[in-house]
Amino acid sequence: MERHVARPLTAPPDPHGGRPTPDPFAATGPALRWGVVSTGKIAHTVTTQLARLEDARLQAVSSRDATKAAAFATKYGFRASYGSAGGYQALAEDPDVDVVYVATPHGQHHAVAGAMLRAGKHVLVEKAFTITAAEAEDLARLARERGLFLMEAVWTRFLPTYVAAMDVLEGGELGPVRYVQADMGFMAERDPRTRLWARADGGGALLDLAVYPLCWVIGALGLPTGVQAAGNVNSEGVDELCAMTLAHEGGAHSQVMVSFVSDSTRKARIVGTEGYLEVGPSLSRPDGFAVVTGAARRSERYELTDAPYAFQLREVTRCVQLGLLESPAMPLEHTLATMRLFDEVRRQVGVSYPNDAGSPPTT
C-alpha cells in the first residue's frame, strides 16, 4: 500500500525535546518577491503571515477593484497594486514578481494561475486547486513545460502536528491501517451571493472542505482507488452536504463527510490492527492527537504559532529557492488525483458548474 510519507522541507517537532518546533519565519535563502491575487478574507489572513517571513518581499497585489487593491497594498506594504476586471494580467506582467499566491474563488483559479505560469511566475493556488480535473491537468502540464513551481495550498499538510502524526503511522505502532473516518462541517449562512454558495464560483461543501479530511485519508492510506458518494444539492445546484465511502489498496476503506448545513466533530480517526490515532478538535488545524493501543493511551500536543499558514509558505519558499518544481509533501499528482475524485463525486451527487463546459487551454 502506497502511503503519503513525504515530508515538508521544514523539520517536524519532537514533543519530547529531540527536535525543536521549526521556525517558519527564518530565512532559508535569497528573498523572493511575492504577488497576491485577490483581496478577500483568505488573502488578508495569508498575507499577514507572509509578511513575517524574513525572505519574503511583498511586491504586488491585484483586485478587480482598484480602490481595494490600493488599500490592501498600503496596509501590508506592497510596492505596487493593480485593479481592474483583468488586473491579475497586469500583475502577471510585473517583472519584479517571482511567486504568486492565487486567492480568488475556485472558478477563477484556472484562468488566473494560467496567466501567471505563462508569464513565468511560480504559483501557489488556494484550494480547491481548480473546478475540474481537466483544468488542474492543464495547469500542471503548463508548469512542467515551463519549468515552474506549482502547488495547491493545502496548509494542513505542513503543520507540525500533521507531520508528527505521519511519523507515528510510519513507526508502525498502530499496525497496518484498515480504516479512516474524517468529517468537517459547520452551519454556513445561506447566501447565494457569497463564495461558499455561488455556483459560478465553484461553491459547495465538496470543493471547499473535502481537502481537509482527505489530508488524513491520503496520509494514512494513500490515494483512493474507488468512491461511492451521496449528498444533498440545493435549488441553486450547489452541494450542501456530501458523504464519500472510499476504497483503498489492500482492502482498506475510509469515510469522509463534509457539510455546510450541520456541525460535525471535525475529527479524524485512523484505525489500525493494533490501535488508533484520533486527531482533534479540528482536523484542519490540529494542536494534537491521541494514540490508543490496547489499554494504553497517550496524548501529544504541539504549540502552533499564531501564523499556521507560515509553514506552508516556508515550504513554497524553500522549494523555489532549491529549484524544485513540486513540493515533496504536496506533489501535483495528489492534487490531480483529488480533482479527478471530485469530478466523479460530483457526477454521482449531481453537481455541475459552468467550468464543466470546458475552459480554453492556457497555452
Protein backbone atom coordinates (compact mmCIF):
# COMPACT_ATOMS: atom_id res chain seq x y z
CA MET A 1 0.00 0.00 0.00
CA GLU A 2 1.47 3.38 -1.03
CA ARG A 3 1.11 5.90 1.75
CA HIS A 4 1.85 9.61 1.64
CA VAL A 5 5.11 9.77 3.61
CA ALA A 6 6.95 12.70 2.04
CA ARG A 7 7.89 15.43 4.46
CA PRO A 8 7.84 19.19 4.04
CA LEU A 9 11.27 20.76 3.91
CA THR A 10 10.83 22.11 7.43
CA ALA A 11 11.60 19.52 10.10
CA PRO A 12 8.76 18.32 12.38
CA PRO A 13 8.89 18.92 16.14
CA ASP A 14 9.52 16.31 18.80
CA PRO A 15 7.24 16.61 21.85
CA HIS A 16 9.99 15.01 23.95
CA GLY A 17 12.52 17.68 23.09
CA GLY A 18 14.56 15.83 20.48
CA ARG A 19 13.97 18.47 17.81
CA PRO A 20 12.63 21.98 18.27
CA THR A 21 9.49 23.18 16.55
CA PRO A 22 10.67 24.69 13.25
CA ASP A 23 10.65 28.44 12.88
CA PRO A 24 8.71 29.08 9.65
CA PHE A 25 9.73 32.74 9.61
CA ALA A 26 13.52 32.28 9.50
CA ALA A 27 15.11 32.88 6.10
CA THR A 28 16.27 29.81 4.19
CA GLY A 29 17.76 31.52 1.14
CA PRO A 30 17.56 34.54 -1.15
CA ALA A 31 14.48 36.73 -0.81
CA LEU A 32 11.52 36.03 -3.09
CA ARG A 33 9.23 38.78 -4.38
CA TRP A 34 5.57 37.85 -3.93
CA GLY A 35 2.41 38.83 -5.71
CA VAL A 36 -1.08 38.20 -4.33
CA VAL A 37 -4.20 37.94 -6.50
CA SER A 38 -7.40 38.90 -4.63
CA THR A 39 -8.06 40.98 -1.54
CA GLY A 40 -10.61 38.69 0.11
CA LYS A 41 -10.59 37.26 3.61
CA ILE A 42 -8.13 34.42 2.99
CA ALA A 43 -5.78 36.79 1.14
CA HIS A 44 -5.68 39.04 4.22
CA THR A 45 -5.03 36.09 6.54
CA VAL A 46 -2.23 34.61 4.46
CA THR A 47 -0.61 37.95 3.61
CA THR A 48 -0.41 38.90 7.28
CA GLN A 49 1.68 35.76 7.82
CA LEU A 50 3.62 36.02 4.57
CA ALA A 51 4.82 39.47 5.60
CA ARG A 52 6.57 37.92 8.60
CA LEU A 53 8.84 35.66 6.55
CA GLU A 54 12.34 37.09 6.64
CA ASP A 55 12.99 36.21 2.99
CA ALA A 56 9.65 37.38 1.58
CA ARG A 57 9.21 40.71 -0.16
CA LEU A 58 5.69 41.97 -0.85
CA GLN A 59 5.82 43.23 -4.40
CA ALA A 60 2.33 43.47 -5.94
CA VAL A 61 -1.36 42.83 -5.31
CA SER A 62 -4.27 42.78 -7.75
CA SER A 63 -8.02 43.04 -7.40
CA ARG A 64 -11.00 43.71 -9.62
CA ASP A 65 -11.46 46.86 -7.55
CA ALA A 66 -8.60 49.38 -7.83
CA THR A 67 -9.54 51.02 -4.54
CA LYS A 68 -9.40 47.71 -2.68
CA ALA A 69 -6.09 46.81 -4.31
CA ALA A 70 -4.55 50.13 -3.31
CA ALA A 71 -5.84 49.84 0.27
CA PHE A 72 -4.51 46.28 0.53
CA ALA A 73 -1.12 47.40 -0.77
CA THR A 74 -0.96 50.24 1.75
CA LYS A 75 -1.99 48.03 4.66
CA TYR A 76 0.65 45.37 4.06
CA GLY A 77 3.39 47.35 2.32
CA PHE A 78 3.20 46.08 -1.25
CA ARG A 79 5.22 48.13 -3.72
CA ALA A 80 2.54 48.02 -6.43
CA SER A 81 -1.19 47.45 -6.84
CA TYR A 82 -3.26 46.64 -9.89
CA GLY A 83 -7.03 46.99 -10.10
CA SER A 84 -9.47 46.20 -12.90
CA ALA A 85 -11.56 43.32 -14.17
CA GLY A 86 -8.35 41.83 -15.61
CA GLY A 87 -6.00 43.29 -13.03
CA TYR A 88 -4.30 39.99 -12.49
CA GLN A 89 -2.86 40.18 -16.00
CA ALA A 90 -1.02 43.39 -15.09
CA LEU A 91 0.39 41.63 -12.03
CA ALA A 92 1.46 38.70 -14.21
CA GLU A 93 3.37 41.15 -16.40
CA ASP A 94 5.17 42.76 -13.45
CA PRO A 95 8.83 41.74 -13.97
CA ASP A 96 9.59 42.16 -10.27
CA VAL A 97 7.27 39.35 -9.11
CA ASP A 98 8.80 35.88 -8.57
CA VAL A 99 5.99 33.93 -6.88
CA VAL A 100 2.22 34.48 -6.92
CA TYR A 101 -0.38 33.39 -4.38
CA VAL A 102 -3.78 32.96 -6.07
CA ALA A 103 -6.59 33.53 -3.56
CA THR A 104 -9.56 34.08 -5.86
CA PRO A 105 -12.71 31.89 -5.76
CA HIS A 106 -12.23 28.40 -7.23
CA GLY A 107 -13.90 29.23 -10.52
CA GLN A 108 -11.14 31.73 -11.40
CA HIS A 109 -8.12 29.61 -10.45
CA HIS A 110 -7.53 28.10 -13.87
CA ALA A 111 -7.51 31.42 -15.71
CA VAL A 112 -5.50 33.33 -13.10
CA ALA A 113 -2.91 30.64 -12.38
CA GLY A 114 -2.55 30.00 -16.11
CA ALA A 115 -1.79 33.67 -16.73
CA MET A 116 0.87 33.63 -14.01
CA LEU A 117 2.53 30.49 -15.36
CA ARG A 118 2.55 31.84 -18.90
CA ALA A 119 4.28 34.94 -17.54
CA GLY A 120 6.99 32.83 -15.89
CA LYS A 121 5.84 33.05 -12.27
CA HIS A 122 5.94 30.29 -9.69
CA VAL A 123 2.44 29.77 -8.30
CA LEU A 124 0.72 28.77 -5.06
CA VAL A 125 -3.01 28.19 -5.72
CA GLU A 126 -5.57 28.24 -2.92
CA LYS A 127 -7.68 25.11 -2.52
CA ALA A 128 -9.67 23.79 -4.22
CA PHE A 129 -6.99 23.87 -6.91
CA THR A 130 -9.48 24.23 -9.78
CA ILE A 131 -13.09 23.33 -10.56
CA THR A 132 -12.35 20.34 -12.80
CA ALA A 133 -9.63 17.77 -13.25
CA ALA A 134 -9.13 18.95 -16.83
CA GLU A 135 -8.30 22.44 -15.58
CA ALA A 136 -5.91 21.01 -12.99
CA GLU A 137 -4.14 18.84 -15.57
CA ASP A 138 -3.79 21.83 -17.87
CA LEU A 139 -2.06 23.88 -15.17
CA ALA A 140 0.22 21.00 -14.17
CA ARG A 141 1.23 20.47 -17.78
CA LEU A 142 1.93 24.14 -18.28
CA ALA A 143 4.05 24.38 -15.12
CA ARG A 144 6.10 21.33 -16.08
CA GLU A 145 6.63 22.57 -19.62
CA ARG A 146 7.79 25.96 -18.37
CA GLY A 147 9.91 24.62 -15.51
CA LEU A 148 7.93 26.46 -12.83
CA PHE A 149 6.92 25.57 -9.28
CA LEU A 150 3.20 24.92 -8.75
CA MET A 151 1.39 23.77 -5.61
CA GLU A 152 -2.09 23.60 -4.13
CA ALA A 153 -2.38 25.49 -0.83
CA VAL A 154 -3.42 22.62 1.46
CA TRP A 155 -1.85 24.17 4.54
CA THR A 156 -2.80 21.37 6.95
CA ARG A 157 -0.20 19.07 5.42
CA PHE A 158 2.62 21.31 6.63
CA LEU A 159 1.56 21.77 10.25
CA PRO A 160 3.87 20.22 12.86
CA THR A 161 1.01 18.14 14.28
CA TYR A 162 0.23 16.56 10.92
CA VAL A 163 3.88 15.73 10.26
CA ALA A 164 4.24 14.18 13.73
CA ALA A 165 1.09 12.08 13.23
CA MET A 166 2.51 10.76 9.96
CA ASP A 167 5.67 9.79 11.86
CA VAL A 168 3.53 7.74 14.27
CA LEU A 169 1.94 5.90 11.35
CA GLU A 170 5.32 5.26 9.75
CA GLY A 171 6.61 3.88 13.04
CA GLY A 172 4.10 1.04 12.79
CA GLU A 173 2.70 1.48 16.29
CA LEU A 174 -0.87 1.11 15.05
CA GLY A 175 -0.15 -1.83 12.79
CA PRO A 176 -1.49 -1.78 9.22
CA VAL A 177 -4.16 0.90 8.86
CA ARG A 178 -7.51 -0.55 7.85
CA TYR A 179 -9.96 2.33 8.21
CA VAL A 180 -10.07 6.13 8.41
CA GLN A 181 -13.07 8.27 9.29
CA ALA A 182 -12.92 12.06 8.96
CA ASP A 183 -15.58 14.76 8.88
CA MET A 184 -15.74 18.53 8.63
CA GLY A 185 -18.96 20.50 8.78
CA PHE A 186 -20.39 23.77 10.03
CA MET A 187 -23.51 25.84 9.65
CA ALA A 188 -22.85 28.24 6.78
CA GLU A 189 -25.13 31.23 6.37
CA ARG A 190 -27.17 30.71 3.21
CA ASP A 191 -26.41 33.49 0.75
CA PRO A 192 -26.10 32.63 -2.95
CA ARG A 193 -24.00 35.77 -3.44
CA THR A 194 -21.17 34.51 -1.23
CA ARG A 195 -18.32 32.32 -2.41
CA LEU A 196 -19.48 29.29 -0.40
CA TRP A 197 -22.85 29.11 -2.13
CA ALA A 198 -22.24 30.72 -5.54
CA ARG A 199 -22.37 28.08 -8.28
CA ALA A 200 -20.35 30.26 -10.68
CA ASP A 201 -17.55 30.43 -8.12
CA GLY A 202 -17.48 26.68 -7.52
CA GLY A 203 -19.44 26.89 -4.29
CA GLY A 204 -20.35 23.84 -2.26
CA ALA A 205 -19.08 21.77 0.64
CA LEU A 206 -17.15 19.30 -1.51
CA LEU A 207 -14.71 21.71 -3.14
CA ASP A 208 -14.43 23.98 -0.14
CA LEU A 209 -13.96 21.45 2.68
CA ALA A 210 -13.12 17.96 1.46
CA VAL A 211 -9.37 18.54 1.02
CA TYR A 212 -9.02 18.74 4.82
CA PRO A 213 -10.36 15.31 5.80
CA LEU A 214 -8.66 13.89 2.72
CA CYS A 215 -5.30 15.03 4.13
CA TRP A 216 -5.67 12.38 6.82
CA VAL A 217 -7.11 9.77 4.49
CA ILE A 218 -4.30 10.12 1.94
CA GLY A 219 -1.68 10.36 4.67
CA ALA A 220 -2.83 7.11 6.24
CA LEU A 221 -3.97 5.04 3.26
CA GLY A 222 -2.69 6.70 0.10
CA LEU A 223 -4.82 7.78 -2.82
CA PRO A 224 -8.21 6.06 -3.12
CA THR A 225 -8.94 3.52 -5.83
CA GLY A 226 -12.71 3.99 -5.89
CA VAL A 227 -15.55 6.02 -4.41
CA GLN A 228 -19.27 5.81 -3.68
CA ALA A 229 -20.83 9.19 -2.93
CA ALA A 230 -24.14 10.67 -1.86
CA GLY A 231 -25.19 14.17 -0.98
CA ASN A 232 -27.77 16.93 -0.89
CA VAL A 233 -27.90 19.54 -3.64
CA ASN A 234 -29.82 22.78 -3.09
CA SER A 235 -32.12 24.56 -5.52
CA GLU A 236 -29.18 26.55 -6.94
CA GLY A 237 -27.33 23.35 -7.82
CA VAL A 238 -24.74 23.59 -5.05
CA ASP A 239 -23.94 20.67 -2.76
CA GLU A 240 -24.67 21.46 0.88
CA LEU A 241 -23.66 18.06 2.26
CA CYS A 242 -21.58 15.31 0.74
CA ALA A 243 -20.57 11.87 2.06
CA MET A 244 -17.97 9.59 0.49
CA THR A 245 -17.01 5.98 1.07
CA LEU A 246 -13.57 5.37 -0.41
CA ALA A 247 -11.77 2.15 -1.31
CA HIS A 248 -8.00 1.81 -0.99
CA GLU A 249 -5.38 -0.73 -1.94
CA GLY A 250 -5.16 -3.80 0.25
CA GLY A 251 -8.83 -3.81 1.22
CA ALA A 252 -8.70 -0.69 3.43
CA HIS A 253 -11.54 1.85 3.45
CA SER A 254 -12.27 5.39 4.52
CA GLN A 255 -15.31 7.57 5.05
CA VAL A 256 -15.40 11.34 4.57
CA MET A 257 -18.27 13.72 5.26
CA VAL A 258 -18.39 17.47 4.61
CA SER A 259 -21.32 19.79 5.25
CA PHE A 260 -22.48 23.40 5.20
CA VAL A 261 -25.77 22.53 6.94
CA SER A 262 -24.62 20.76 10.10
CA ASP A 263 -21.88 20.98 12.66
CA SER A 264 -19.66 17.94 12.98
CA THR A 265 -16.92 16.62 15.24
CA ARG A 266 -14.25 17.90 12.82
CA LYS A 267 -12.11 14.96 13.91
CA ALA A 268 -10.20 12.24 12.12
CA ARG A 269 -9.74 8.71 13.41
CA ILE A 270 -7.11 6.46 11.86
CA VAL A 271 -7.64 2.83 12.84
CA GLY A 272 -5.02 0.12 12.54
CA THR A 273 -4.89 -3.51 13.59
CA GLU A 274 -3.11 -2.60 16.88
CA GLY A 275 -4.85 0.65 17.83
CA TYR A 276 -5.97 4.02 16.57
CA LEU A 277 -4.91 7.65 16.32
CA GLU A 278 -7.50 10.39 16.85
CA VAL A 279 -7.00 13.95 15.69
CA GLY A 280 -8.92 16.92 17.02
CA PRO A 281 -10.59 19.12 17.93
CA SER A 282 -10.18 20.48 14.41
CA LEU A 283 -8.64 18.25 11.76
CA SER A 284 -7.78 21.26 9.59
CA ARG A 285 -5.73 22.94 12.33
CA PRO A 286 -4.98 20.27 14.94
CA ASP A 287 -2.96 21.10 18.02
CA GLY A 288 -2.53 17.47 18.98
CA PHE A 289 -3.67 13.88 18.75
CA ALA A 290 -4.22 10.82 20.91
CA VAL A 291 -2.72 7.40 20.28
CA VAL A 292 -4.59 4.41 21.73
CA THR A 293 -3.09 0.93 21.67
CA GLY A 294 -4.79 -1.72 23.80
CA ALA A 295 -5.31 -0.27 27.28
CA ALA A 296 -2.63 2.39 26.77
CA ARG A 297 -3.48 5.93 25.77
CA ARG A 298 -1.20 8.88 25.34
CA SER A 299 -1.77 12.39 24.05
CA GLU A 300 0.68 14.56 22.17
CA ARG A 301 0.29 18.32 21.99
CA TYR A 302 2.10 20.84 19.84
CA GLU A 303 2.35 24.58 20.26
CA LEU A 304 1.28 26.09 16.98
CA THR A 305 2.39 29.59 16.16
CA ASP A 306 -0.13 32.36 15.66
CA ALA A 307 0.65 32.03 11.95
CA PRO A 308 -0.13 28.44 10.93
CA TYR A 309 -0.13 29.27 7.20
CA ALA A 310 3.55 30.20 7.53
CA PHE A 311 4.62 26.54 7.46
CA GLN A 312 3.10 26.21 4.00
CA LEU A 313 4.66 29.47 2.86
CA ARG A 314 8.04 28.32 4.13
CA GLU A 315 7.68 25.12 2.10
CA VAL A 316 6.95 27.06 -1.08
CA THR A 317 9.84 29.42 -0.42
CA ARG A 318 12.39 26.68 0.19
CA CYS A 319 11.22 24.66 -2.79
CA VAL A 320 11.64 27.66 -5.10
CA GLN A 321 14.99 28.54 -3.55
CA LEU A 322 16.18 24.97 -4.16
CA GLY A 323 14.89 24.92 -7.74
CA LEU A 324 12.21 22.27 -7.09
CA LEU A 325 9.15 22.27 -9.34
CA GLU A 326 6.91 20.45 -6.83
CA SER A 327 6.71 20.08 -3.07
CA PRO A 328 7.67 16.60 -1.87
CA ALA A 329 4.90 16.92 0.76
CA MET A 330 2.20 18.20 -1.62
CA PRO A 331 3.01 16.71 -5.04
CA LEU A 332 0.96 17.64 -8.05
CA GLU A 333 -0.14 14.04 -8.56
CA HIS A 334 -2.03 14.19 -5.25
CA THR A 335 -3.79 17.35 -6.40
CA LEU A 336 -4.63 15.86 -9.80
CA ALA A 337 -5.93 12.65 -8.24
CA THR A 338 -8.06 14.66 -5.81
CA MET A 339 -9.58 16.71 -8.62
CA ARG A 340 -10.39 13.50 -10.55
CA LEU A 341 -12.03 12.17 -7.40
CA PHE A 342 -14.08 15.36 -7.06
CA ASP A 343 -15.20 15.09 -10.68
CA GLU A 344 -16.51 11.59 -10.00
CA VAL A 345 -18.17 12.57 -6.72
CA ARG A 346 -19.92 15.48 -8.42
CA ARG A 347 -21.09 13.13 -11.18
CA GLN A 348 -22.60 10.77 -8.63
CA VAL A 349 -24.15 13.52 -6.50
CA GLY A 350 -25.38 15.59 -9.43
CA VAL A 351 -23.38 18.82 -9.18
CA SER A 352 -22.21 20.71 -12.26
CA TYR A 353 -20.52 24.07 -12.77
CA PRO A 354 -20.16 26.43 -15.72
CA ASN A 355 -16.50 25.37 -15.93
CA ASP A 356 -17.60 21.84 -16.83
CA ALA A 357 -18.40 23.12 -20.31
CA GLY A 358 -14.66 23.35 -20.86
CA SER A 359 -12.06 26.01 -20.29
CA PRO A 360 -9.77 27.23 -23.09
CA PRO A 361 -6.28 25.79 -22.87
CA THR A 362 -3.76 28.03 -21.14
CA THR A 363 -1.16 27.72 -23.89
